[in-house]
Amino acid sequence: MLTGLLCALGAGLMWGLVFIAPLMLPDYPGIMLSFGRYVAFGLIALVPALLDRKRVAVLTKADWRAALKLSLIGNLLYYAALATAIQLADAPLPTMLIGTLPVVISVFSNWSPGHAAESVAWRRLAPSLIIILVGILCVNAAELAHMRAAASEPGNTRTMFDYVLGCLLALGGVAAWTWYPIVNARYLRANPHISSSTWATAQGLATLPLALVGLFGYGAYLKLAGGVYAFPFGPRPLQFVGLMLVIGLCASWIGILLWNKASQHLPTALLAQLIVFETLSALLYAFIFRGAAPSLQVVAGIVLLCIGIVFGVRTFQHQIP
């Protein structure tokens, strides 16, 4: 259990990095950040694929189809929606909408028919979910107040339409990432012969052709539309390539490897609650980037999130050998 918890924490720390990348490159469309990140992930995955070629070679067509679906929905679509949402509505608000994932995934994974062995009684699951939800609402309320104050500042270019569209895109990201960890964890447990590192590498390899097609397809679209965007690396190529390589390695390959390891050790409904580590990390990085300390209301929400995690761990502890 400790191994699973530490791996989930490590994955959250890695994934939190992706929330500040759109703020560091605000002049890059979210869809290009998504394609760039996963081209980098796919290229990086070629190295462990070569070292692990014997185990990669035994993956079946069904394994590759599963990796392809997981990569398309859980990687490309999710991050394109998230990056665009952050650019439209700033980082904290989409971060906290994504932060509802522990509640949403726990509910869906505990409710899903055909997986009774993973489920616990709702009365036992409810306390941790309620505490996490209250924590999320505390942070959301504080960020909404910050958003209203920022909207009246001179030089602010965000409109209410931007915020609403950003929230809708973040909710699309919630849907994509509700599906991904449940399907990913159950596929790994149904195929215990696939190691967490091999599965992370397989998803990187499956992502590469999708990201390359998307990147060059987007470039062709820009050219046909008469755009003047500097393709393929944009107006700041060194920063773009460097940041994509960093998050491609840390947030994609290492993050997925750690999450796969956690998926093999922990029940899905508990694992879902541990996605809150991503939210906490993203908030930490966002406030550092913003150069401001969180308010007492935000701190209270974060404390509640942590308490909810502790309750969730205790709820599922009896299920874990």
Protein backbone atom coordinates (compact mmCIF):
# COMPACT_ATOMS: atom_id res chain seq x y z
CA MET A 1 0.00 0.00 0.00
CA LEU A 2 2.85 2.41 0.84
CA THR A 3 4.38 1.75 -2.59
CA GLY A 4 1.07 2.57 -4.26
CA LEU A 5 0.63 5.77 -2.26
CA LEU A 6 4.17 6.99 -2.96
CA CYS A 7 3.81 6.22 -6.68
CA ALA A 8 0.49 8.12 -6.81
CA LEU A 9 2.12 11.08 -5.02
CA GLY A 10 5.04 11.05 -7.46
CA ALA A 11 2.67 10.94 -10.43
CA GLY A 12 0.73 13.90 -9.01
CA LEU A 13 3.90 15.94 -8.59
CA MET A 14 4.86 15.21 -12.20
CA TRP A 15 1.40 15.91 -13.63
CA GLY A 16 1.13 19.21 -11.79
CA LEU A 17 3.79 20.58 -14.16
CA VAL A 18 1.42 20.50 -17.13
CA PHE A 19 -0.84 23.12 -15.54
CA ILE A 20 1.77 25.90 -15.73
CA ALA A 21 3.08 25.10 -19.23
CA PRO A 22 0.14 26.96 -20.92
CA LEU A 23 0.88 29.98 -18.72
CA MET A 24 4.57 29.91 -19.64
CA LEU A 25 3.67 29.73 -23.35
CA PRO A 26 0.47 31.82 -23.59
CA ASP A 27 1.05 32.60 -27.27
CA TYR A 28 0.80 28.90 -28.23
CA PRO A 29 -2.64 27.38 -28.88
CA GLY A 30 -3.62 24.65 -26.43
CA ILE A 31 -3.96 22.10 -29.23
CA MET A 32 -0.36 22.74 -30.32
CA LEU A 33 0.86 22.33 -26.73
CA SER A 34 -0.93 18.98 -26.61
CA PHE A 35 0.55 17.75 -29.90
CA GLY A 36 4.00 19.07 -28.95
CA ARG A 37 3.93 17.40 -25.53
CA TYR A 38 2.97 14.02 -26.94
CA VAL A 39 5.38 14.14 -29.86
CA ALA A 40 8.06 14.64 -27.19
CA PHE A 41 6.57 11.82 -25.11
CA GLY A 42 6.56 9.46 -28.10
CA LEU A 43 10.15 10.29 -29.06
CA ILE A 44 11.30 9.85 -25.45
CA ALA A 45 9.47 6.49 -25.29
CA LEU A 46 11.62 5.19 -28.16
CA VAL A 47 14.58 4.90 -25.76
CA PRO A 48 12.92 2.65 -23.12
CA ALA A 49 11.22 0.79 -26.00
CA LEU A 50 14.63 -0.15 -27.35
CA LEU A 51 15.87 -1.21 -23.91
CA ASP A 52 12.64 -3.09 -23.16
CA ARG A 53 12.11 -4.41 -26.70
CA LYS A 54 11.57 -8.04 -25.65
CA ARG A 55 8.58 -7.21 -23.46
CA VAL A 56 7.25 -4.61 -25.93
CA ALA A 57 7.43 -7.21 -28.71
CA VAL A 58 5.08 -9.61 -26.91
CA LEU A 59 2.26 -7.07 -26.65
CA THR A 60 -0.75 -8.24 -28.64
CA LYS A 61 -2.91 -6.36 -31.13
CA ALA A 62 -5.52 -5.99 -28.39
CA ASP A 63 -2.89 -4.39 -26.14
CA TRP A 64 -1.94 -1.89 -28.83
CA ARG A 65 -5.60 -1.06 -29.54
CA ALA A 66 -6.12 -0.39 -25.83
CA ALA A 67 -2.96 1.74 -25.66
CA LEU A 68 -4.12 3.70 -28.71
CA LYS A 69 -7.54 4.45 -27.21
CA LEU A 70 -6.03 5.41 -23.86
CA SER A 71 -3.50 7.66 -25.58
CA LEU A 72 -6.08 9.43 -27.74
CA ILE A 73 -8.58 10.16 -24.97
CA GLY A 74 -6.42 10.30 -21.84
CA ASN A 75 -3.49 12.09 -23.45
CA LEU A 76 -4.21 14.16 -26.56
CA LEU A 77 -7.86 15.13 -26.05
CA TYR A 78 -7.48 15.66 -22.30
CA TYR A 79 -4.46 17.94 -22.50
CA ALA A 80 -5.72 19.92 -25.50
CA ALA A 81 -8.90 20.71 -23.51
CA LEU A 82 -6.98 21.47 -20.31
CA ALA A 83 -4.30 23.68 -21.90
CA THR A 84 -6.90 25.75 -23.76
CA ALA A 85 -9.03 26.04 -20.61
CA ILE A 86 -6.05 27.35 -18.59
CA GLN A 87 -5.20 29.95 -21.23
CA LEU A 88 -8.80 31.14 -21.29
CA ALA A 89 -9.55 31.12 -17.54
CA ASP A 90 -6.10 31.13 -15.83
CA ALA A 91 -4.73 28.09 -14.01
CA PRO A 92 -6.47 27.81 -10.62
CA LEU A 93 -10.11 27.64 -11.77
CA PRO A 94 -9.62 24.86 -14.39
CA THR A 95 -7.28 23.19 -11.89
CA MET A 96 -10.03 22.98 -9.32
CA LEU A 97 -12.58 21.77 -11.87
CA ILE A 98 -10.11 19.05 -12.75
CA GLY A 99 -9.78 18.67 -8.98
CA THR A 100 -13.30 17.23 -8.87
CA LEU A 101 -11.85 14.09 -10.46
CA PRO A 102 -11.27 12.32 -7.12
CA VAL A 103 -14.99 12.55 -6.40
CA VAL A 104 -16.22 11.87 -9.93
CA ILE A 105 -13.93 8.88 -10.58
CA SER A 106 -14.56 7.38 -7.14
CA VAL A 107 -18.30 7.53 -7.74
CA PHE A 108 -18.07 6.03 -11.24
CA SER A 109 -15.57 3.32 -10.27
CA ASN A 110 -17.55 2.34 -7.18
CA TRP A 111 -20.82 2.39 -9.14
CA SER A 112 -19.62 0.53 -12.26
CA PRO A 113 -21.36 -2.84 -12.65
CA GLY A 114 -19.25 -5.98 -12.99
CA HIS A 115 -16.52 -4.84 -10.61
CA ALA A 116 -18.05 -5.57 -7.20
CA ALA A 117 -14.71 -6.76 -5.81
CA GLU A 118 -13.38 -3.20 -6.06
CA SER A 119 -16.40 -1.57 -4.43
CA VAL A 120 -17.14 -0.62 -0.85
CA ALA A 121 -20.41 0.38 0.81
CA TRP A 122 -21.43 3.92 -0.09
CA ARG A 123 -21.84 4.83 3.59
CA ARG A 124 -18.13 4.07 4.10
CA LEU A 125 -17.00 5.89 0.97
CA ALA A 126 -19.18 8.97 1.52
CA PRO A 127 -17.20 10.71 4.34
CA SER A 128 -13.95 11.00 2.36
CA LEU A 129 -15.80 12.10 -0.80
CA ILE A 130 -17.76 14.77 1.08
CA ILE A 131 -14.62 16.15 2.76
CA ILE A 132 -12.78 16.28 -0.58
CA LEU A 133 -15.77 17.95 -2.26
CA VAL A 134 -16.03 20.61 0.48
CA GLY A 135 -12.29 21.28 0.12
CA ILE A 136 -12.68 21.72 -3.63
CA LEU A 137 -15.63 24.09 -3.15
CA CYS A 138 -13.59 26.21 -0.71
CA VAL A 139 -10.79 26.67 -3.23
CA ASN A 140 -13.24 27.24 -6.08
CA ALA A 141 -15.03 29.99 -4.13
CA ALA A 142 -11.74 31.76 -3.45
CA GLU A 143 -10.68 31.53 -7.10
CA LEU A 144 -14.03 32.83 -8.33
CA ALA A 145 -13.55 35.88 -6.09
CA HIS A 146 -10.03 36.35 -7.50
CA MET A 147 -11.40 36.01 -11.02
CA ARG A 148 -14.01 38.74 -10.45
CA ALA A 149 -11.37 41.05 -8.97
CA ALA A 150 -8.97 40.41 -11.87
CA ALA A 151 -11.71 41.08 -14.43
CA SER A 152 -11.93 44.72 -13.30
CA GLU A 153 -8.18 45.35 -13.51
CA PRO A 154 -6.90 47.50 -16.42
CA GLY A 155 -5.16 45.50 -19.11
CA ASN A 156 -7.15 42.35 -18.39
CA THR A 157 -8.05 40.77 -21.73
CA ARG A 158 -10.14 37.87 -20.42
CA THR A 159 -13.88 38.18 -20.90
CA MET A 160 -16.63 36.30 -19.09
CA PHE A 161 -17.11 34.30 -22.30
CA ASP A 162 -13.45 33.20 -22.00
CA TYR A 163 -14.04 32.03 -18.44
CA VAL A 164 -17.21 30.15 -19.33
CA LEU A 165 -15.60 28.51 -22.37
CA GLY A 166 -12.54 27.66 -20.28
CA CYS A 167 -14.75 26.00 -17.67
CA LEU A 168 -16.61 24.00 -20.32
CA LEU A 169 -13.33 22.78 -21.81
CA ALA A 170 -12.07 21.86 -18.33
CA LEU A 171 -15.26 19.82 -17.83
CA GLY A 172 -14.46 18.04 -21.10
CA GLY A 173 -11.07 17.25 -19.59
CA VAL A 174 -12.83 15.88 -16.50
CA ALA A 175 -14.86 13.53 -18.72
CA ALA A 176 -11.74 12.31 -20.56
CA TRP A 177 -9.85 11.72 -17.36
CA THR A 178 -12.78 10.06 -15.61
CA TRP A 179 -12.67 7.41 -18.32
CA TYR A 180 -8.87 7.05 -18.56
CA PRO A 181 -7.75 5.93 -15.06
CA ILE A 182 -10.65 3.52 -14.61
CA VAL A 183 -10.06 1.78 -17.95
CA ASN A 184 -6.27 1.92 -17.58
CA ALA A 185 -6.24 0.43 -14.07
CA ARG A 186 -8.65 -2.37 -14.95
CA TYR A 187 -6.72 -3.25 -18.10
CA LEU A 188 -3.49 -3.53 -16.12
CA ARG A 189 -5.09 -5.68 -13.45
CA ALA A 190 -6.63 -7.90 -16.12
CA ASN A 191 -3.19 -8.26 -17.74
CA PRO A 192 -0.72 -8.60 -14.84
CA HIS A 193 2.01 -9.82 -17.23
CA ILE A 194 2.34 -6.24 -18.55
CA SER A 195 4.72 -4.23 -16.35
CA SER A 196 3.98 -0.60 -15.49
CA SER A 197 7.08 0.60 -17.38
CA THR A 198 6.23 -1.44 -20.50
CA TRP A 199 2.67 -0.09 -20.50
CA ALA A 200 3.90 3.50 -20.11
CA THR A 201 6.26 2.95 -23.04
CA ALA A 202 3.49 1.36 -25.12
CA GLN A 203 1.25 4.38 -24.57
CA GLY A 204 4.10 6.68 -25.61
CA LEU A 205 4.65 4.69 -28.82
CA ALA A 206 0.91 4.67 -29.53
CA THR A 207 0.72 8.43 -28.94
CA LEU A 208 3.59 9.31 -31.30
CA PRO A 209 1.86 8.71 -34.68
CA LEU A 210 -1.35 10.35 -33.42
CA ALA A 211 0.56 13.43 -32.23
CA LEU A 212 2.64 13.67 -35.40
CA VAL A 213 -0.44 13.48 -37.63
CA GLY A 214 -2.18 16.05 -35.44
CA LEU A 215 0.80 18.42 -35.39
CA PHE A 216 1.34 18.41 -39.15
CA GLY A 217 -2.39 18.41 -39.81
CA TYR A 218 -2.73 21.50 -37.65
CA GLY A 219 0.17 23.09 -39.55
CA ALA A 220 -1.55 22.36 -42.86
CA TYR A 221 -4.76 23.89 -41.52
CA LEU A 222 -2.92 27.07 -40.50
CA LYS A 223 -1.33 27.32 -43.93
CA LEU A 224 -4.63 26.82 -45.77
CA ALA A 225 -6.30 29.35 -43.46
CA GLY A 226 -3.65 31.90 -44.36
CA GLY A 227 -2.24 32.11 -40.86
CA VAL A 228 1.20 33.56 -40.15
CA TYR A 229 1.97 31.24 -37.24
CA ALA A 230 5.63 30.12 -37.20
CA PHE A 231 5.23 26.38 -37.73
CA PRO A 232 6.25 23.83 -36.45
CA PHE A 233 7.88 25.32 -33.34
CA GLY A 234 6.06 28.63 -33.00
CA PRO A 235 7.40 32.09 -32.16
CA ARG A 236 9.69 30.86 -29.34
CA PRO A 237 11.14 27.58 -30.61
CA LEU A 238 13.79 27.04 -27.92
CA GLN A 239 11.38 27.56 -25.04
CA PHE A 240 8.70 25.48 -26.75
CA VAL A 241 10.94 22.50 -27.54
CA GLY A 242 12.64 22.60 -24.13
CA LEU A 243 9.38 22.75 -22.18
CA MET A 244 7.75 20.05 -24.30
CA LEU A 245 10.72 17.73 -23.66
CA VAL A 246 10.55 18.39 -19.92
CA ILE A 247 6.84 17.67 -19.57
CA GLY A 248 7.06 14.86 -22.16
CA LEU A 249 9.61 13.11 -19.94
CA CYS A 250 8.40 14.04 -16.47
CA ALA A 251 4.64 14.44 -16.80
CA SER A 252 4.09 11.83 -19.51
CA TRP A 253 6.53 8.92 -19.33
CA ILE A 254 7.56 9.12 -15.65
CA GLY A 255 4.09 10.22 -14.53
CA ILE A 256 2.34 7.39 -16.40
CA LEU A 257 4.92 4.85 -15.20
CA LEU A 258 4.33 5.86 -11.56
CA TRP A 259 0.55 5.89 -12.03
CA ASN A 260 0.60 2.45 -13.65
CA LYS A 261 2.59 1.16 -10.67
CA ALA A 262 0.05 2.68 -8.27
CA SER A 263 -2.78 1.15 -10.35
CA GLN A 264 -1.36 -2.32 -9.74
CA HIS A 265 -1.30 -1.84 -5.96
CA LEU A 266 -4.47 0.10 -5.09
CA PRO A 267 -8.25 -0.27 -5.68
CA THR A 268 -9.58 1.99 -8.42
CA ALA A 269 -11.90 4.03 -6.17
CA LEU A 270 -9.03 4.80 -3.77
CA LEU A 271 -6.69 5.50 -6.67
CA ALA A 272 -9.24 7.99 -7.97
CA GLN A 273 -9.10 9.97 -4.74
CA LEU A 274 -5.30 10.10 -4.93
CA ILE A 275 -5.55 12.10 -8.17
CA VAL A 276 -5.99 14.97 -5.71
CA PHE A 277 -2.16 14.96 -5.48
CA GLU A 278 -2.17 16.33 -9.04
CA THR A 279 -4.54 19.11 -7.99
CA LEU A 280 -2.45 20.03 -4.95
CA SER A 281 0.76 20.07 -7.00
CA ALA A 282 -0.84 22.16 -9.74
CA LEU A 283 -2.10 24.68 -7.18
CA LEU A 284 1.35 24.90 -5.60
CA TYR A 285 3.01 25.53 -8.97
CA ALA A 286 0.28 27.98 -10.05
CA PHE A 287 0.64 30.14 -6.93
CA ILE A 288 4.43 30.09 -7.28
CA PHE A 289 4.05 31.18 -10.90
CA ARG A 290 1.51 33.83 -9.90
CA GLY A 291 3.93 35.07 -7.23
CA ALA A 292 1.26 35.18 -4.55
CA ALA A 293 0.47 33.21 -1.42
CA PRO A 294 -2.86 31.36 -1.28
CA SER A 295 -5.62 32.87 0.84
CA LEU A 296 -6.75 31.31 4.12
CA GLN A 297 -9.82 29.94 2.32
CA VAL A 298 -7.61 28.18 -0.22
CA VAL A 299 -5.39 26.82 2.56
CA ALA A 300 -8.49 25.54 4.38
CA GLY A 301 -9.62 23.81 1.20
CA ILE A 302 -6.22 22.19 0.75
CA VAL A 303 -6.26 20.95 4.36
CA LEU A 304 -9.70 19.42 3.77
CA LEU A 305 -8.44 17.72 0.62
CA CYS A 306 -5.60 16.16 2.60
CA ILE A 307 -7.97 15.03 5.37
CA GLY A 308 -10.22 13.48 2.72
CA ILE A 309 -7.28 11.53 1.35
CA VAL A 310 -6.50 10.14 4.82
CA PHE A 311 -10.12 9.05 5.25
CA GLY A 312 -10.08 7.46 1.79
CA VAL A 313 -6.93 5.49 2.56
CA ARG A 314 -8.44 4.19 5.79
CA THR A 315 -11.67 3.24 4.00
CA PHE A 316 -9.86 0.98 1.52
CA GLN A 317 -7.07 -0.27 3.77
CA HIS A 318 -8.86 -3.54 4.54
CA GLN A 319 -9.04 -4.43 0.84
CA ILE A 320 -5.29 -4.24 0.24
CA PRO A 321 -3.14 -7.31 1.01
